[in-house]
């Protein structure tokens, strides 16, 4: 396998249709032979079920507020058809699976979940945010109490803190967190031949927000006009790998052209 065994098992659980019959058979043989890999597959299945619950209630409308307060999930047995999610640590497989759930936060009202996990193989902590208002290519933000900076996710709501930034004890002492989900979005399209930048607003809610741009020699000025009670005060500019937070100033932000490197650069609006 060119990819790691862990990545193939993740694909086997989440996107089996993307694997060839041969690859599927290879993964199934590995699962038969290894208790550790079966534990890992079980962890992915559990996580997939939680994601499915949220996705069943996906809404095309953006929320009225970006901010979602989340509290620790109660440690109770998960009931059928309930959104109450146990902050379980997969203790039956803890010695075998390399993925350990450190903390789970939920908002029943907003049907949102944040799960903090550690991969013992890489000692890397990851934070996964799931919400009916976070699409697979959306960027979100999160604020942890006691940590001043907002953290920006990868597309899909996956946060990757620096290695060693958070210890297990630190995470287990978090008593809450605040998730920021995008109110709306637009995209900047770069013509690599001419260097010209175009604005694509086909995914914006035109009844709530109007976005326009002015192109200058070294920057793009992004103008934002909100209607009704809609409000925007933060913009995250994302190239799909890294996000940059910018604060609105009297209805616009100045975006340096040096940040527009890919064919598509996405703009996510928050309040």
C-alpha atoms as a PDB file:
ATOM      1  CA  UNK A   1       0.000   0.000   0.000  1.00  0.00           C
ATOM      2  CA  UNK A   2       1.332   3.425  -0.916  1.00  0.00           C
ATOM      3  CA  UNK A   3      -0.780   5.178   1.681  1.00  0.00           C
ATOM      4  CA  UNK A   4      -0.446   4.233   5.344  1.00  0.00           C
ATOM      5  CA  UNK A   5      -2.521   1.332   6.615  1.00  0.00           C
ATOM      6  CA  UNK A   6      -4.388   3.754   8.892  1.00  0.00           C
ATOM      7  CA  UNK A   7      -5.414   5.925   5.911  1.00  0.00           C
ATOM      8  CA  UNK A   8      -6.650   2.889   3.994  1.00  0.00           C
ATOM      9  CA  UNK A   9      -8.770   1.777   6.954  1.00  0.00           C
ATOM     10  CA  UNK A  10     -10.218   5.291   7.231  1.00  0.00           C
ATOM     11  CA  UNK A  11     -11.079   5.178   3.510  1.00  0.00           C
ATOM     12  CA  UNK A  12     -12.550   1.678   3.932  1.00  0.00           C
ATOM     13  CA  UNK A  13     -14.972   2.981   6.583  1.00  0.00           C
ATOM     14  CA  UNK A  14     -15.783   6.451   5.222  1.00  0.00           C
ATOM     15  CA  UNK A  15     -15.443   6.155   1.431  1.00  0.00           C
ATOM     16  CA  UNK A  16     -15.372   2.453   0.507  1.00  0.00           C
ATOM     17  CA  UNK A  17     -16.607   3.233  -3.007  1.00  0.00           C
ATOM     18  CA  UNK A  18     -13.285   4.973  -3.713  1.00  0.00           C
ATOM     19  CA  UNK A  19     -11.293   1.799  -3.024  1.00  0.00           C
ATOM     20  CA  UNK A  20     -10.772  -0.878  -5.610  1.00  0.00           C
ATOM     21  CA  UNK A  21     -12.020  -4.397  -4.953  1.00  0.00           C
ATOM     22  CA  UNK A  22      -8.411  -5.469  -4.446  1.00  0.00           C
ATOM     23  CA  UNK A  23      -7.760  -2.744  -1.873  1.00  0.00           C
ATOM     24  CA  UNK A  24     -10.951  -3.596   0.006  1.00  0.00           C
ATOM     25  CA  UNK A  25      -9.958  -7.247   0.135  1.00  0.00           C
ATOM     26  CA  UNK A  26      -6.477  -6.270   1.346  1.00  0.00           C
ATOM     27  CA  UNK A  27      -7.912  -4.115   4.157  1.00  0.00           C
ATOM     28  CA  UNK A  28     -10.335  -6.865   5.182  1.00  0.00           C
ATOM     29  CA  UNK A  29      -7.450  -9.331   5.455  1.00  0.00           C
ATOM     30  CA  UNK A  30      -5.529  -6.884   7.646  1.00  0.00           C
ATOM     31  CA  UNK A  31      -8.549  -6.447   9.916  1.00  0.00           C
ATOM     32  CA  UNK A  32      -8.879 -10.203  10.303  1.00  0.00           C
ATOM     33  CA  UNK A  33      -5.251 -10.480  11.384  1.00  0.00           C
ATOM     34  CA  UNK A  34      -4.965  -7.528  13.794  1.00  0.00           C
ATOM     35  CA  UNK A  35      -6.927  -6.722  16.967  1.00  0.00           C
ATOM     36  CA  UNK A  36      -5.350  -3.253  16.940  1.00  0.00           C
ATOM     37  CA  UNK A  37      -6.555  -2.463  13.423  1.00  0.00           C
ATOM     38  CA  UNK A  38     -10.045  -3.807  14.204  1.00  0.00           C
ATOM     39  CA  UNK A  39     -10.172  -1.453  17.200  1.00  0.00           C
ATOM     40  CA  UNK A  40      -9.162   1.407  14.935  1.00  0.00           C
ATOM     41  CA  UNK A  41     -11.881   0.483  12.430  1.00  0.00           C
ATOM     42  CA  UNK A  42     -14.459   0.351  15.248  1.00  0.00           C
ATOM     43  CA  UNK A  43     -13.416   3.854  16.337  1.00  0.00           C
ATOM     44  CA  UNK A  44     -13.903   5.174  12.800  1.00  0.00           C
ATOM     45  CA  UNK A  45     -17.336   3.494  12.573  1.00  0.00           C
ATOM     46  CA  UNK A  46     -18.430   5.144  15.835  1.00  0.00           C
ATOM     47  CA  UNK A  47     -17.288   8.540  14.593  1.00  0.00           C
ATOM     48  CA  UNK A  48     -19.003   7.985  11.230  1.00  0.00           C
ATOM     49  CA  UNK A  49     -22.314   7.269  12.977  1.00  0.00           C
ATOM     50  CA  UNK A  50     -22.098  10.558  14.865  1.00  0.00           C
ATOM     51  CA  UNK A  51     -21.378  12.438  11.646  1.00  0.00           C
ATOM     52  CA  UNK A  52     -24.325  10.754   9.930  1.00  0.00           C
ATOM     53  CA  UNK A  53     -26.702  11.925  12.641  1.00  0.00           C
ATOM     54  CA  UNK A  54     -25.671  15.540  12.116  1.00  0.00           C
ATOM     55  CA  UNK A  55     -25.744  15.273   8.327  1.00  0.00           C
ATOM     56  CA  UNK A  56     -29.334  14.018   8.386  1.00  0.00           C
ATOM     57  CA  UNK A  57     -30.410  17.484   9.487  1.00  0.00           C
ATOM     58  CA  UNK A  58     -28.146  19.469   7.148  1.00  0.00           C
ATOM     59  CA  UNK A  59     -29.572  22.877   6.344  1.00  0.00           C
ATOM     60  CA  UNK A  60     -28.720  25.080   3.375  1.00  0.00           C
ATOM     61  CA  UNK A  61     -29.548  28.195   5.405  1.00  0.00           C
ATOM     62  CA  UNK A  62     -26.786  29.797   7.393  1.00  0.00           C
ATOM     63  CA  UNK A  63     -27.358  30.409  11.120  1.00  0.00           C
ATOM     64  CA  UNK A  64     -28.218  33.765  12.658  1.00  0.00           C
ATOM     65  CA  UNK A  65     -25.017  33.778  14.696  1.00  0.00           C
ATOM     66  CA  UNK A  66     -21.573  32.294  14.106  1.00  0.00           C
ATOM     67  CA  UNK A  67     -21.048  31.494  17.789  1.00  0.00           C
ATOM     68  CA  UNK A  68     -21.987  28.121  19.232  1.00  0.00           C
ATOM     69  CA  UNK A  69     -21.271  27.422  22.912  1.00  0.00           C
ATOM     70  CA  UNK A  70     -20.487  23.786  23.635  1.00  0.00           C
ATOM     71  CA  UNK A  71     -20.299  21.986  26.977  1.00  0.00           C
ATOM     72  CA  UNK A  72     -18.770  18.623  27.926  1.00  0.00           C
ATOM     73  CA  UNK A  73     -20.843  15.667  26.838  1.00  0.00           C
ATOM     74  CA  UNK A  74     -22.408  13.755  29.738  1.00  0.00           C
ATOM     75  CA  UNK A  75     -20.909  10.351  30.345  1.00  0.00           C
ATOM     76  CA  UNK A  76     -24.046   8.334  29.783  1.00  0.00           C
ATOM     77  CA  UNK A  77     -25.021   5.531  27.494  1.00  0.00           C
ATOM     78  CA  UNK A  78     -26.039   6.853  24.099  1.00  0.00           C
ATOM     79  CA  UNK A  79     -29.718   6.247  23.424  1.00  0.00           C
ATOM     80  CA  UNK A  80     -31.110   5.354  20.048  1.00  0.00           C
ATOM     81  CA  UNK A  81     -32.102   8.408  17.974  1.00  0.00           C
ATOM     82  CA  UNK A  82     -30.698  10.740  20.627  1.00  0.00           C
ATOM     83  CA  UNK A  83     -28.110  13.427  20.057  1.00  0.00           C
ATOM     84  CA  UNK A  84     -26.733  12.980  23.616  1.00  0.00           C
ATOM     85  CA  UNK A  85     -23.195  11.806  22.907  1.00  0.00           C
ATOM     86  CA  UNK A  86     -21.132  10.115  25.566  1.00  0.00           C
ATOM     87  CA  UNK A  87     -17.640  11.495  26.094  1.00  0.00           C
ATOM     88  CA  UNK A  88     -16.333   7.979  25.871  1.00  0.00           C
ATOM     89  CA  UNK A  89     -12.696   7.089  25.437  1.00  0.00           C
ATOM     90  CA  UNK A  90     -13.204   3.720  23.757  1.00  0.00           C
ATOM     91  CA  UNK A  91     -11.758   2.235  26.923  1.00  0.00           C
ATOM     92  CA  UNK A  92     -12.297  -1.359  25.789  1.00  0.00           C
ATOM     93  CA  UNK A  93      -9.804  -0.767  22.987  1.00  0.00           C
ATOM     94  CA  UNK A  94      -7.646   1.895  24.583  1.00  0.00           C
ATOM     95  CA  UNK A  95      -4.604  -0.342  24.742  1.00  0.00           C
ATOM     96  CA  UNK A  96      -5.008  -1.371  21.126  1.00  0.00           C
ATOM     97  CA  UNK A  97      -6.363   1.568  19.133  1.00  0.00           C
ATOM     98  CA  UNK A  98      -3.988   4.446  18.410  1.00  0.00           C
ATOM     99  CA  UNK A  99      -6.865   6.961  18.476  1.00  0.00           C
ATOM    100  CA  UNK A 100      -7.957   8.122  21.912  1.00  0.00           C
ATOM    101  CA  UNK A 101     -10.878  10.462  22.559  1.00  0.00           C
ATOM    102  CA  UNK A 102      -9.738  13.011  25.136  1.00  0.00           C
ATOM    103  CA  UNK A 103     -12.833  15.225  25.300  1.00  0.00           C
ATOM    104  CA  UNK A 104     -16.206  15.606  23.626  1.00  0.00           C
ATOM    105  CA  UNK A 105     -18.281  18.802  23.673  1.00  0.00           C
ATOM    106  CA  UNK A 106     -21.823  19.163  22.387  1.00  0.00           C
ATOM    107  CA  UNK A 107     -24.584  21.677  21.775  1.00  0.00           C
ATOM    108  CA  UNK A 108     -27.945  19.926  21.596  1.00  0.00           C
ATOM    109  CA  UNK A 109     -29.681  23.128  20.583  1.00  0.00           C
ATOM    110  CA  UNK A 110     -27.397  23.673  17.575  1.00  0.00           C
ATOM    111  CA  UNK A 111     -26.779  19.988  16.894  1.00  0.00           C
ATOM    112  CA  UNK A 112     -23.031  20.556  16.983  1.00  0.00           C
ATOM    113  CA  UNK A 113     -20.240  18.387  18.305  1.00  0.00           C
ATOM    114  CA  UNK A 114     -16.541  18.954  18.946  1.00  0.00           C
ATOM    115  CA  UNK A 115     -14.353  15.956  19.628  1.00  0.00           C
ATOM    116  CA  UNK A 116     -10.713  16.209  20.712  1.00  0.00           C
ATOM    117  CA  UNK A 117      -8.643  13.142  19.916  1.00  0.00           C
ATOM    118  CA  UNK A 118      -5.022  12.114  20.152  1.00  0.00           C
ATOM    119  CA  UNK A 119      -3.222   9.814  17.748  1.00  0.00           C
ATOM    120  CA  UNK A 120      -0.739   7.949  19.917  1.00  0.00           C
ATOM    121  CA  UNK A 121       1.287   6.924  16.866  1.00  0.00           C
ATOM    122  CA  UNK A 122       2.145  10.535  16.046  1.00  0.00           C
ATOM    123  CA  UNK A 123       1.329  12.122  19.443  1.00  0.00           C
ATOM    124  CA  UNK A 124      -0.758  14.597  17.446  1.00  0.00           C
ATOM    125  CA  UNK A 125      -3.903  16.126  18.923  1.00  0.00           C
ATOM    126  CA  UNK A 126      -6.740  16.792  16.477  1.00  0.00           C
ATOM    127  CA  UNK A 127     -10.023  18.612  16.993  1.00  0.00           C
ATOM    128  CA  UNK A 128     -13.013  17.619  14.860  1.00  0.00           C
ATOM    129  CA  UNK A 129     -16.044  19.916  14.664  1.00  0.00           C
ATOM    130  CA  UNK A 130     -19.325  18.614  13.268  1.00  0.00           C
ATOM    131  CA  UNK A 131     -22.334  20.844  12.679  1.00  0.00           C
ATOM    132  CA  UNK A 132     -25.338  20.867  10.382  1.00  0.00           C
ATOM    133  CA  UNK A 133     -23.986  24.221   9.143  1.00  0.00           C
ATOM    134  CA  UNK A 134     -20.412  23.147   8.350  1.00  0.00           C
ATOM    135  CA  UNK A 135     -20.107  21.729   4.851  1.00  0.00           C
ATOM    136  CA  UNK A 136     -17.242  19.494   3.770  1.00  0.00           C
ATOM    137  CA  UNK A 137     -15.348  22.420   2.239  1.00  0.00           C
ATOM    138  CA  UNK A 138     -16.227  25.031   4.879  1.00  0.00           C
ATOM    139  CA  UNK A 139     -13.723  26.505   7.312  1.00  0.00           C
ATOM    140  CA  UNK A 140     -14.654  26.991  10.982  1.00  0.00           C
ATOM    141  CA  UNK A 141     -12.976  28.567  14.002  1.00  0.00           C
ATOM    142  CA  UNK A 142     -12.788  27.562  17.643  1.00  0.00           C
ATOM    143  CA  UNK A 143     -11.956  29.318  20.903  1.00  0.00           C
ATOM    144  CA  UNK A 144     -10.703  27.387  23.915  1.00  0.00           C
ATOM    145  CA  UNK A 145     -11.053  29.049  27.361  1.00  0.00           C
ATOM    146  CA  UNK A 146      -7.742  30.448  28.559  1.00  0.00           C
ATOM    147  CA  UNK A 147      -6.271  30.445  25.043  1.00  0.00           C
ATOM    148  CA  UNK A 148      -6.515  33.942  23.512  1.00  0.00           C
ATOM    149  CA  UNK A 149      -6.152  33.121  19.820  1.00  0.00           C
ATOM    150  CA  UNK A 150      -8.930  31.788  17.619  1.00  0.00           C
ATOM    151  CA  UNK A 151      -7.920  28.564  15.890  1.00  0.00           C
ATOM    152  CA  UNK A 152      -8.831  28.171  12.209  1.00  0.00           C
ATOM    153  CA  UNK A 153      -9.764  24.769  10.822  1.00  0.00           C
ATOM    154  CA  UNK A 154      -8.912  22.950   7.663  1.00  0.00           C
ATOM    155  CA  UNK A 155     -11.842  22.516   5.250  1.00  0.00           C
ATOM    156  CA  UNK A 156     -14.519  20.355   6.855  1.00  0.00           C
ATOM    157  CA  UNK A 157     -13.958  21.574  10.427  1.00  0.00           C
ATOM    158  CA  UNK A 158     -10.746  19.667  11.285  1.00  0.00           C
ATOM    159  CA  UNK A 159      -8.318  21.585  13.484  1.00  0.00           C
ATOM    160  CA  UNK A 160      -4.653  20.583  13.614  1.00  0.00           C
ATOM    161  CA  UNK A 161      -2.870  22.225  16.577  1.00  0.00           C
ATOM    162  CA  UNK A 162       0.901  22.320  16.622  1.00  0.00           C
ATOM    163  CA  UNK A 163       2.479  19.077  17.783  1.00  0.00           C
ATOM    164  CA  UNK A 164       2.903  19.204  21.547  1.00  0.00           C
ATOM    165  CA  UNK A 165       0.757  22.337  21.899  1.00  0.00           C
ATOM    166  CA  UNK A 166      -1.835  20.592  24.080  1.00  0.00           C
ATOM    167  CA  UNK A 167      -1.161  17.822  26.573  1.00  0.00           C
ATOM    168  CA  UNK A 168      -3.797  15.255  27.531  1.00  0.00           C
ATOM    169  CA  UNK A 169      -4.189  16.868  30.964  1.00  0.00           C
ATOM    170  CA  UNK A 170      -4.747  20.307  29.414  1.00  0.00           C
ATOM    171  CA  UNK A 171      -7.472  18.984  27.147  1.00  0.00           C
ATOM    172  CA  UNK A 172      -9.203  17.073  29.936  1.00  0.00           C
ATOM    173  CA  UNK A 173      -9.358  20.282  32.000  1.00  0.00           C
ATOM    174  CA  UNK A 174     -11.194  22.254  29.296  1.00  0.00           C
ATOM    175  CA  UNK A 175     -14.666  22.958  30.678  1.00  0.00           C
ATOM    176  CA  UNK A 176     -16.179  24.361  27.471  1.00  0.00           C
ATOM    177  CA  UNK A 177     -15.366  25.686  24.033  1.00  0.00           C
ATOM    178  CA  UNK A 178     -16.874  28.066  21.500  1.00  0.00           C
ATOM    179  CA  UNK A 179     -17.259  27.066  17.881  1.00  0.00           C
ATOM    180  CA  UNK A 180     -17.557  29.701  15.145  1.00  0.00           C
ATOM    181  CA  UNK A 181     -19.341  28.553  12.011  1.00  0.00           C
ATOM    182  CA  UNK A 182     -19.385  30.635   8.793  1.00  0.00           C
ATOM    183  CA  UNK A 183     -22.417  32.829   8.175  1.00  0.00           C
ATOM    184  CA  UNK A 184     -21.784  32.868   4.435  1.00  0.00           C
ATOM    185  CA  UNK A 185     -19.027  32.513   1.858  1.00  0.00           C
ATOM    186  CA  UNK A 186     -17.718  33.619  -1.521  1.00  0.00           C
ATOM    187  CA  UNK A 187     -14.763  32.545  -3.663  1.00  0.00           C
ATOM    188  CA  UNK A 188     -11.985  34.350  -5.495  1.00  0.00           C
ATOM    189  CA  UNK A 189     -10.990  32.730  -8.798  1.00  0.00           C
ATOM    190  CA  UNK A 190      -7.474  33.331 -10.106  1.00  0.00           C
ATOM    191  CA  UNK A 191      -6.644  33.227 -13.803  1.00  0.00           C
ATOM    192  CA  UNK A 192      -3.036  31.946 -13.646  1.00  0.00           C
ATOM    193  CA  UNK A 193      -2.236  33.229 -17.137  1.00  0.00           C
ATOM    194  CA  UNK A 194      -3.351  36.826 -16.726  1.00  0.00           C
ATOM    195  CA  UNK A 195      -3.179  37.068 -12.940  1.00  0.00           C
ATOM    196  CA  UNK A 196      -6.696  38.506 -12.983  1.00  0.00           C
ATOM    197  CA  UNK A 197      -8.895  37.787  -9.950  1.00  0.00           C
ATOM    198  CA  UNK A 198     -12.639  37.238 -10.292  1.00  0.00           C
ATOM    199  CA  UNK A 199     -15.333  37.045  -7.606  1.00  0.00           C
ATOM    200  CA  UNK A 200     -17.734  34.082  -7.461  1.00  0.00           C
ATOM    201  CA  UNK A 201     -20.768  34.645  -5.203  1.00  0.00           C
ATOM    202  CA  UNK A 202     -23.041  31.849  -6.424  1.00  0.00           C
ATOM    203  CA  UNK A 203     -23.013  30.288  -2.932  1.00  0.00           C
ATOM    204  CA  UNK A 204     -23.845  33.539  -1.141  1.00  0.00           C
ATOM    205  CA  UNK A 205     -27.274  34.400   0.185  1.00  0.00           C
ATOM    206  CA  UNK A 206     -28.044  37.517  -1.858  1.00  0.00           C
ATOM    207  CA  UNK A 207     -30.885  38.493   0.469  1.00  0.00           C
ATOM    208  CA  UNK A 208     -28.464  38.741   3.396  1.00  0.00           C
ATOM    209  CA  UNK A 209     -25.132  39.870   1.988  1.00  0.00           C
ATOM    210  CA  UNK A 210     -23.638  41.574  -1.054  1.00  0.00           C
ATOM    211  CA  UNK A 211     -19.941  41.043  -1.757  1.00  0.00           C
ATOM    212  CA  UNK A 212     -17.873  42.922  -4.331  1.00  0.00           C
ATOM    213  CA  UNK A 213     -14.158  43.446  -4.963  1.00  0.00           C
ATOM    214  CA  UNK A 214     -11.855  46.175  -6.180  1.00  0.00           C
ATOM    215  CA  UNK A 215      -8.541  45.016  -7.620  1.00  0.00           C
ATOM    216  CA  UNK A 216      -5.468  47.161  -7.056  1.00  0.00           C
ATOM    217  CA  UNK A 217      -1.798  46.607  -7.912  1.00  0.00           C
ATOM    218  CA  UNK A 218      -0.883  44.666  -4.786  1.00  0.00           C
ATOM    219  CA  UNK A 219      -4.175  43.969  -3.054  1.00  0.00           C
ATOM    220  CA  UNK A 220      -7.821  43.049  -3.420  1.00  0.00           C
ATOM    221  CA  UNK A 221     -10.300  45.168  -1.495  1.00  0.00           C
ATOM    222  CA  UNK A 222     -13.280  43.046  -0.424  1.00  0.00           C
ATOM    223  CA  UNK A 223     -16.442  45.092   0.109  1.00  0.00           C
ATOM    224  CA  UNK A 224     -19.233  43.573   2.213  1.00  0.00           C
ATOM    225  CA  UNK A 225     -22.718  45.027   2.566  1.00  0.00           C
ATOM    226  CA  UNK A 226     -25.176  43.307   4.906  1.00  0.00           C
ATOM    227  CA  UNK A 227     -28.968  43.535   4.815  1.00  0.00           C
ATOM    228  CA  UNK A 228     -31.642  43.289   7.515  1.00  0.00           C
ATOM    229  CA  UNK A 229     -30.134  42.118  10.827  1.00  0.00           C
ATOM    230  CA  UNK A 230     -27.273  40.233   9.143  1.00  0.00           C
ATOM    231  CA  UNK A 231     -23.836  41.259  10.434  1.00  0.00           C
ATOM    232  CA  UNK A 232     -20.256  40.364   9.512  1.00  0.00           C
ATOM    233  CA  UNK A 233     -17.151  41.478  11.394  1.00  0.00           C
ATOM    234  CA  UNK A 234     -14.594  38.762  10.598  1.00  0.00           C
ATOM    235  CA  UNK A 235     -13.408  37.190   7.355  1.00  0.00           C
ATOM    236  CA  UNK A 236     -11.294  34.050   7.051  1.00  0.00           C
ATOM    237  CA  UNK A 237      -9.365  33.747   3.796  1.00  0.00           C
ATOM    238  CA  UNK A 238      -8.524  30.118   3.040  1.00  0.00           C
ATOM    239  CA  UNK A 239      -6.503  28.522   0.262  1.00  0.00           C
ATOM    240  CA  UNK A 240      -7.618  25.046   1.345  1.00  0.00           C
ATOM    241  CA  UNK A 241      -4.515  24.452   3.442  1.00  0.00           C
ATOM    242  CA  UNK A 242      -4.128  27.558   5.558  1.00  0.00           C
ATOM    243  CA  UNK A 243      -6.590  30.163   6.792  1.00  0.00           C
ATOM    244  CA  UNK A 244      -5.985  33.830   7.599  1.00  0.00           C
ATOM    245  CA  UNK A 245      -8.265  35.788   9.918  1.00  0.00           C
ATOM    246  CA  UNK A 246      -9.034  39.394   8.971  1.00  0.00           C
ATOM    247  CA  UNK A 247     -11.222  41.915  10.796  1.00  0.00           C
ATOM    248  CA  UNK A 248     -13.742  43.990   8.888  1.00  0.00           C
ATOM    249  CA  UNK A 249     -13.093  47.744   8.897  1.00  0.00           C
ATOM    250  CA  UNK A 250     -16.089  49.894   7.916  1.00  0.00           C
ATOM    251  CA  UNK A 251     -17.435  47.272   5.566  1.00  0.00           C
ATOM    252  CA  UNK A 252     -14.272  46.093   3.847  1.00  0.00           C
ATOM    253  CA  UNK A 253     -11.003  44.202   4.268  1.00  0.00           C
ATOM    254  CA  UNK A 254      -7.744  44.575   2.360  1.00  0.00           C
ATOM    255  CA  UNK A 255      -6.434  41.254   1.084  1.00  0.00           C
ATOM    256  CA  UNK A 256      -2.790  41.189  -0.071  1.00  0.00           C
ATOM    257  CA  UNK A 257      -2.456  39.540  -3.485  1.00  0.00           C
ATOM    258  CA  UNK A 258       0.431  37.495  -2.091  1.00  0.00           C
ATOM    259  CA  UNK A 259      -2.171  35.366  -0.247  1.00  0.00           C
ATOM    260  CA  UNK A 260      -3.963  34.474  -3.485  1.00  0.00           C
ATOM    261  CA  UNK A 261      -1.847  31.612  -4.785  1.00  0.00           C
ATOM    262  CA  UNK A 262      -4.314  28.899  -5.768  1.00  0.00           C
ATOM    263  CA  UNK A 263      -6.922  28.872  -8.505  1.00  0.00           C
ATOM    264  CA  UNK A 264      -9.633  29.131  -5.817  1.00  0.00           C
ATOM    265  CA  UNK A 265      -9.340  31.139  -2.614  1.00  0.00           C
ATOM    266  CA  UNK A 266     -12.395  31.015  -0.343  1.00  0.00           C
ATOM    267  CA  UNK A 267     -13.784  33.823   1.819  1.00  0.00           C
ATOM    268  CA  UNK A 268     -15.745  32.818   4.929  1.00  0.00           C
ATOM    269  CA  UNK A 269     -17.785  35.454   6.775  1.00  0.00           C
ATOM    270  CA  UNK A 270     -18.317  35.378  10.552  1.00  0.00           C
ATOM    271  CA  UNK A 271     -19.845  37.583  13.221  1.00  0.00           C
END
